[in-house]
Amino acid sequence: MNTQCPTCNKPTTKQYRPFCSKRCADLDLGQWLNEGYKIESEEESNLDEYEPG
């Protein structure tokens, strides 16, 4: 089964699946780490009120 890389749409490789290369995998990871991707939630966030104890 040959699928497409979610970053560049090239065919994936077994080594980096679901990506085609380390570069595309790293680009995707960077998006997550820099909050480029977000998962929506119906709950209100209370993170602004959090105070470490």
PDB file of N, CA and C in Angstrom:
ATOM      1  N   MET A   1       0.845  -1.182   0.000  1.00  0.00           N
ATOM      2  CA  MET A   1       0.000   0.000   0.000  1.00  0.00           C
ATOM      3  C   MET A   1       0.891   1.246   0.000  1.00  0.00           C
ATOM      4  N   ASN A   2       0.768   2.048  -0.997  1.00  0.00           N
ATOM      5  CA  ASN A   2       1.574   3.250  -1.112  1.00  0.00           C
ATOM      6  C   ASN A   2       0.682   4.466  -0.842  1.00  0.00           C
ATOM      7  N   THR A   3       0.978   5.178   0.210  1.00  0.00           N
ATOM      8  CA  THR A   3       0.203   6.362   0.548  1.00  0.00           C
ATOM      9  C   THR A   3       1.033   7.606   0.291  1.00  0.00           C
ATOM     10  N   GLN A   4       0.425   8.748   0.460  1.00  0.00           N
ATOM     11  CA  GLN A   4       1.118   9.999   0.203  1.00  0.00           C
ATOM     12  C   GLN A   4       1.534  10.671   1.504  1.00  0.00           C
ATOM     13  N   CYS A   5       2.664  11.321   1.446  1.00  0.00           N
ATOM     14  CA  CYS A   5       3.202  12.087   2.564  1.00  0.00           C
ATOM     15  C   CYS A   5       2.245  13.248   2.867  1.00  0.00           C
ATOM     16  N   PRO A   6       1.858  13.440   4.145  1.00  0.00           N
ATOM     17  CA  PRO A   6       0.945  14.538   4.472  1.00  0.00           C
ATOM     18  C   PRO A   6       1.597  15.922   4.330  1.00  0.00           C
ATOM     19  N   THR A   7       2.912  15.982   4.252  1.00  0.00           N
ATOM     20  CA  THR A   7       3.606  17.263   4.138  1.00  0.00           C
ATOM     21  C   THR A   7       3.760  17.708   2.689  1.00  0.00           C
ATOM     22  N   CYS A   8       4.178  16.797   1.807  1.00  0.00           N
ATOM     23  CA  CYS A   8       4.482  17.203   0.427  1.00  0.00           C
ATOM     24  C   CYS A   8       3.740  16.397  -0.643  1.00  0.00           C
ATOM     25  N   ASN A   9       2.978  15.398  -0.245  1.00  0.00           N
ATOM     26  CA  ASN A   9       2.179  14.554  -1.151  1.00  0.00           C
ATOM     27  C   ASN A   9       2.988  13.602  -2.021  1.00  0.00           C
ATOM     28  N   LYS A  10       4.291  13.423  -1.744  1.00  0.00           N
ATOM     29  CA  LYS A  10       5.078  12.410  -2.455  1.00  0.00           C
ATOM     30  C   LYS A  10       4.763  11.045  -1.847  1.00  0.00           C
ATOM     31  N   PRO A  11       5.079   9.948  -2.536  1.00  0.00           N
ATOM     32  CA  PRO A  11       4.867   8.615  -1.965  1.00  0.00           C
ATOM     33  C   PRO A  11       5.692   8.425  -0.681  1.00  0.00           C
ATOM     34  N   THR A  12       5.109   7.756   0.296  1.00  0.00           N
ATOM     35  CA  THR A  12       5.808   7.527   1.561  1.00  0.00           C
ATOM     36  C   THR A  12       6.876   6.453   1.410  1.00  0.00           C
ATOM     37  N   THR A  13       7.802   6.432   2.366  1.00  0.00           N
ATOM     38  CA  THR A  13       8.809   5.378   2.421  1.00  0.00           C
ATOM     39  C   THR A  13       8.623   4.608   3.710  1.00  0.00           C
ATOM     40  N   LYS A  14       9.022   3.360   3.694  1.00  0.00           N
ATOM     41  CA  LYS A  14       8.852   2.501   4.864  1.00  0.00           C
ATOM     42  C   LYS A  14       9.579   3.063   6.082  1.00  0.00           C
ATOM     43  N   GLN A  15      10.759   3.597   5.886  1.00  0.00           N
ATOM     44  CA  GLN A  15      11.578   4.089   6.989  1.00  0.00           C
ATOM     45  C   GLN A  15      10.940   5.276   7.707  1.00  0.00           C
ATOM     46  N   TYR A  16      10.251   6.165   6.981  1.00  0.00           N
ATOM     47  CA  TYR A  16       9.725   7.393   7.580  1.00  0.00           C
ATOM     48  C   TYR A  16       8.203   7.466   7.572  1.00  0.00           C
ATOM     49  N   ARG A  17       7.534   6.358   7.333  1.00  0.00           N
ATOM     50  CA  ARG A  17       6.088   6.335   7.240  1.00  0.00           C
ATOM     51  C   ARG A  17       5.455   7.021   8.425  1.00  0.00           C
ATOM     52  N   PRO A  18       4.513   7.903   8.296  1.00  0.00           N
ATOM     53  CA  PRO A  18       3.712   8.212   7.110  1.00  0.00           C
ATOM     54  C   PRO A  18       4.312   9.294   6.223  1.00  0.00           C
ATOM     55  N   PHE A  19       5.577   9.628   6.423  1.00  0.00           N
ATOM     56  CA  PHE A  19       6.226  10.666   5.627  1.00  0.00           C
ATOM     57  C   PHE A  19       7.116  10.037   4.554  1.00  0.00           C
ATOM     58  N   CYS A  20       7.614  10.887   3.650  1.00  0.00           N
ATOM     59  CA  CYS A  20       8.480  10.384   2.585  1.00  0.00           C
ATOM     60  C   CYS A  20       9.954  10.495   2.961  1.00  0.00           C
ATOM     61  N   SER A  21      10.266  11.348   3.942  1.00  0.00           N
ATOM     62  CA  SER A  21      11.666  11.587   4.293  1.00  0.00           C
ATOM     63  C   SER A  21      11.770  12.130   5.713  1.00  0.00           C
ATOM     64  N   LYS A  22      12.992  12.144   6.228  1.00  0.00           N
ATOM     65  CA  LYS A  22      13.236  12.709   7.551  1.00  0.00           C
ATOM     66  C   LYS A  22      12.903  14.195   7.548  1.00  0.00           C
ATOM     67  N   ARG A  23      13.196  14.872   6.455  1.00  0.00           N
ATOM     68  CA  ARG A  23      12.906  16.301   6.352  1.00  0.00           C
ATOM     69  C   ARG A  23      11.418  16.579   6.561  1.00  0.00           C
ATOM     70  N   CYS A  24      10.561  15.831   5.886  1.00  0.00           N
ATOM     71  CA  CYS A  24       9.119  16.041   6.032  1.00  0.00           C
ATOM     72  C   CYS A  24       8.651  15.686   7.447  1.00  0.00           C
ATOM     73  N   ALA A  25       9.214  14.631   8.025  1.00  0.00           N
ATOM     74  CA  ALA A  25       8.870  14.268   9.396  1.00  0.00           C
ATOM     75  C   ALA A  25       9.283  15.380  10.356  1.00  0.00           C
ATOM     76  N   ASP A  26      10.461  15.945  10.157  1.00  0.00           N
ATOM     77  CA  ASP A  26      10.945  17.030  11.015  1.00  0.00           C
ATOM     78  C   ASP A  26      10.110  18.298  10.847  1.00  0.00           C
ATOM     79  N   LEU A  27       9.695  18.594   9.626  1.00  0.00           N
ATOM     80  CA  LEU A  27       8.836  19.752   9.399  1.00  0.00           C
ATOM     81  C   LEU A  27       7.514  19.605  10.145  1.00  0.00           C
ATOM     82  N   ASP A  28       6.942  18.402  10.121  1.00  0.00           N
ATOM     83  CA  ASP A  28       5.694  18.152  10.816  1.00  0.00           C
ATOM     84  C   ASP A  28       5.888  18.284  12.330  1.00  0.00           C
ATOM     85  N   LEU A  29       6.947  17.733  12.857  1.00  0.00           N
ATOM     86  CA  LEU A  29       7.243  17.848  14.286  1.00  0.00           C
ATOM     87  C   LEU A  29       7.404  19.312  14.680  1.00  0.00           C
ATOM     88  N   GLY A  30       8.078  20.083  13.851  1.00  0.00           N
ATOM     89  CA  GLY A  30       8.241  21.503  14.115  1.00  0.00           C
ATOM     90  C   GLY A  30       6.918  22.238  14.194  1.00  0.00           C
ATOM     91  N   GLN A  31       5.978  21.854  13.339  1.00  0.00           N
ATOM     92  CA  GLN A  31       4.643  22.462  13.386  1.00  0.00           C
ATOM     93  C   GLN A  31       3.983  22.207  14.736  1.00  0.00           C
ATOM     94  N   TRP A  32       4.082  20.974  15.238  1.00  0.00           N
ATOM     95  CA  TRP A  32       3.495  20.656  16.546  1.00  0.00           C
ATOM     96  C   TRP A  32       4.196  21.419  17.664  1.00  0.00           C
ATOM     97  N   LEU A  33       5.522  21.457  17.635  1.00  0.00           N
ATOM     98  CA  LEU A  33       6.276  22.101  18.702  1.00  0.00           C
ATOM     99  C   LEU A  33       6.086  23.615  18.725  1.00  0.00           C
ATOM    100  N   ASN A  34       5.844  24.213  17.576  1.00  0.00           N
ATOM    101  CA  ASN A  34       5.625  25.660  17.498  1.00  0.00           C
ATOM    102  C   ASN A  34       4.150  26.027  17.519  1.00  0.00           C
ATOM    103  N   GLU A  35       3.324  25.075  17.909  1.00  0.00           N
ATOM    104  CA  GLU A  35       1.871  25.248  18.010  1.00  0.00           C
ATOM    105  C   GLU A  35       1.233  25.660  16.691  1.00  0.00           C
ATOM    106  N   GLY A  36       1.792  25.151  15.587  1.00  0.00           N
ATOM    107  CA  GLY A  36       1.200  25.384  14.278  1.00  0.00           C
ATOM    108  C   GLY A  36      -0.051  24.548  14.076  1.00  0.00           C
ATOM    109  N   TYR A  37      -0.122  23.418  14.759  1.00  0.00           N
ATOM    110  CA  TYR A  37      -1.304  22.567  14.748  1.00  0.00           C
ATOM    111  C   TYR A  37      -1.963  22.692  16.109  1.00  0.00           C
ATOM    112  N   LYS A  38      -3.278  22.708  16.118  1.00  0.00           N
ATOM    113  CA  LYS A  38      -4.005  22.777  17.379  1.00  0.00           C
ATOM    114  C   LYS A  38      -5.180  21.826  17.322  1.00  0.00           C
ATOM    115  N   ILE A  39      -5.476  21.229  18.448  1.00  0.00           N
ATOM    116  CA  ILE A  39      -6.632  20.348  18.566  1.00  0.00           C
ATOM    117  C   ILE A  39      -7.704  21.121  19.308  1.00  0.00           C
ATOM    118  N   GLU A  40      -8.822  21.345  18.650  1.00  0.00           N
ATOM    119  CA  GLU A  40      -9.908  22.116  19.235  1.00  0.00           C
ATOM    120  C   GLU A  40     -10.575  21.337  20.365  1.00  0.00           C
ATOM    121  N   SER A  41     -11.045  22.068  21.348  1.00  0.00           N
ATOM    122  CA  SER A  41     -11.741  21.473  22.473  1.00  0.00           C
ATOM    123  C   SER A  41     -12.976  22.309  22.780  1.00  0.00           C
ATOM    124  N   GLU A  42     -14.022  21.651  23.261  1.00  0.00           N
ATOM    125  CA  GLU A  42     -15.230  22.369  23.636  1.00  0.00           C
ATOM    126  C   GLU A  42     -15.131  22.901  25.061  1.00  0.00           C
ATOM    127  N   GLU A  43     -14.156  22.411  25.819  1.00  0.00           N
ATOM    128  CA  GLU A  43     -13.991  22.845  27.199  1.00  0.00           C
ATOM    129  C   GLU A  43     -13.186  24.140  27.253  1.00  0.00           C
ATOM    130  N   GLU A  44     -13.499  24.970  28.247  1.00  0.00           N
ATOM    131  CA  GLU A  44     -12.734  26.189  28.448  1.00  0.00           C
ATOM    132  C   GLU A  44     -11.419  25.861  29.123  1.00  0.00           C
ATOM    133  N   SER A  45     -10.366  26.512  28.708  1.00  0.00           N
ATOM    134  CA  SER A  45      -9.057  26.298  29.292  1.00  0.00           C
ATOM    135  C   SER A  45      -8.871  27.191  30.511  1.00  0.00           C
ATOM    136  N   ASN A  46      -8.348  26.611  31.593  1.00  0.00           N
ATOM    137  CA  ASN A  46      -8.060  27.374  32.797  1.00  0.00           C
ATOM    138  C   ASN A  46      -6.572  27.554  32.974  1.00  0.00           C
ATOM    139  N   LEU A  47      -5.782  27.422  31.921  1.00  0.00           N
ATOM    140  CA  LEU A  47      -4.333  27.506  32.036  1.00  0.00           C
ATOM    141  C   LEU A  47      -3.868  28.886  32.459  1.00  0.00           C
ATOM    142  N   ASP A  48      -4.615  29.936  32.123  1.00  0.00           N
ATOM    143  CA  ASP A  48      -4.207  31.280  32.523  1.00  0.00           C
ATOM    144  C   ASP A  48      -4.311  31.478  34.038  1.00  0.00           C
ATOM    145  N   GLU A  49      -5.164  30.685  34.679  1.00  0.00           N
ATOM    146  CA  GLU A  49      -5.362  30.810  36.119  1.00  0.00           C
ATOM    147  C   GLU A  49      -4.449  29.894  36.912  1.00  0.00           C
ATOM    148  N   TYR A  50      -3.668  29.064  36.247  1.00  0.00           N
ATOM    149  CA  TYR A  50      -2.805  28.089  36.915  1.00  0.00           C
ATOM    150  C   TYR A  50      -1.619  28.762  37.578  1.00  0.00           C
ATOM    151  N   GLU A  51      -1.422  28.436  38.832  1.00  0.00           N
ATOM    152  CA  GLU A  51      -0.266  28.933  39.569  1.00  0.00           C
ATOM    153  C   GLU A  51       0.484  27.751  40.138  1.00  0.00           C
ATOM    154  N   PRO A  52       1.739  27.551  39.742  1.00  0.00           N
ATOM    155  CA  PRO A  52       2.509  26.416  40.261  1.00  0.00           C
ATOM    156  C   PRO A  52       2.627  26.491  41.784  1.00  0.00           C
ATOM    157  N   GLY A  53       2.541  25.322  42.403  1.00  0.00           N
ATOM    158  CA  GLY A  53       2.572  25.268  43.855  1.00  0.00           C
ATOM    159  C   GLY A  53       3.851  24.981  44.397  1.00  0.00           C
TER     160      GLY A  53
END
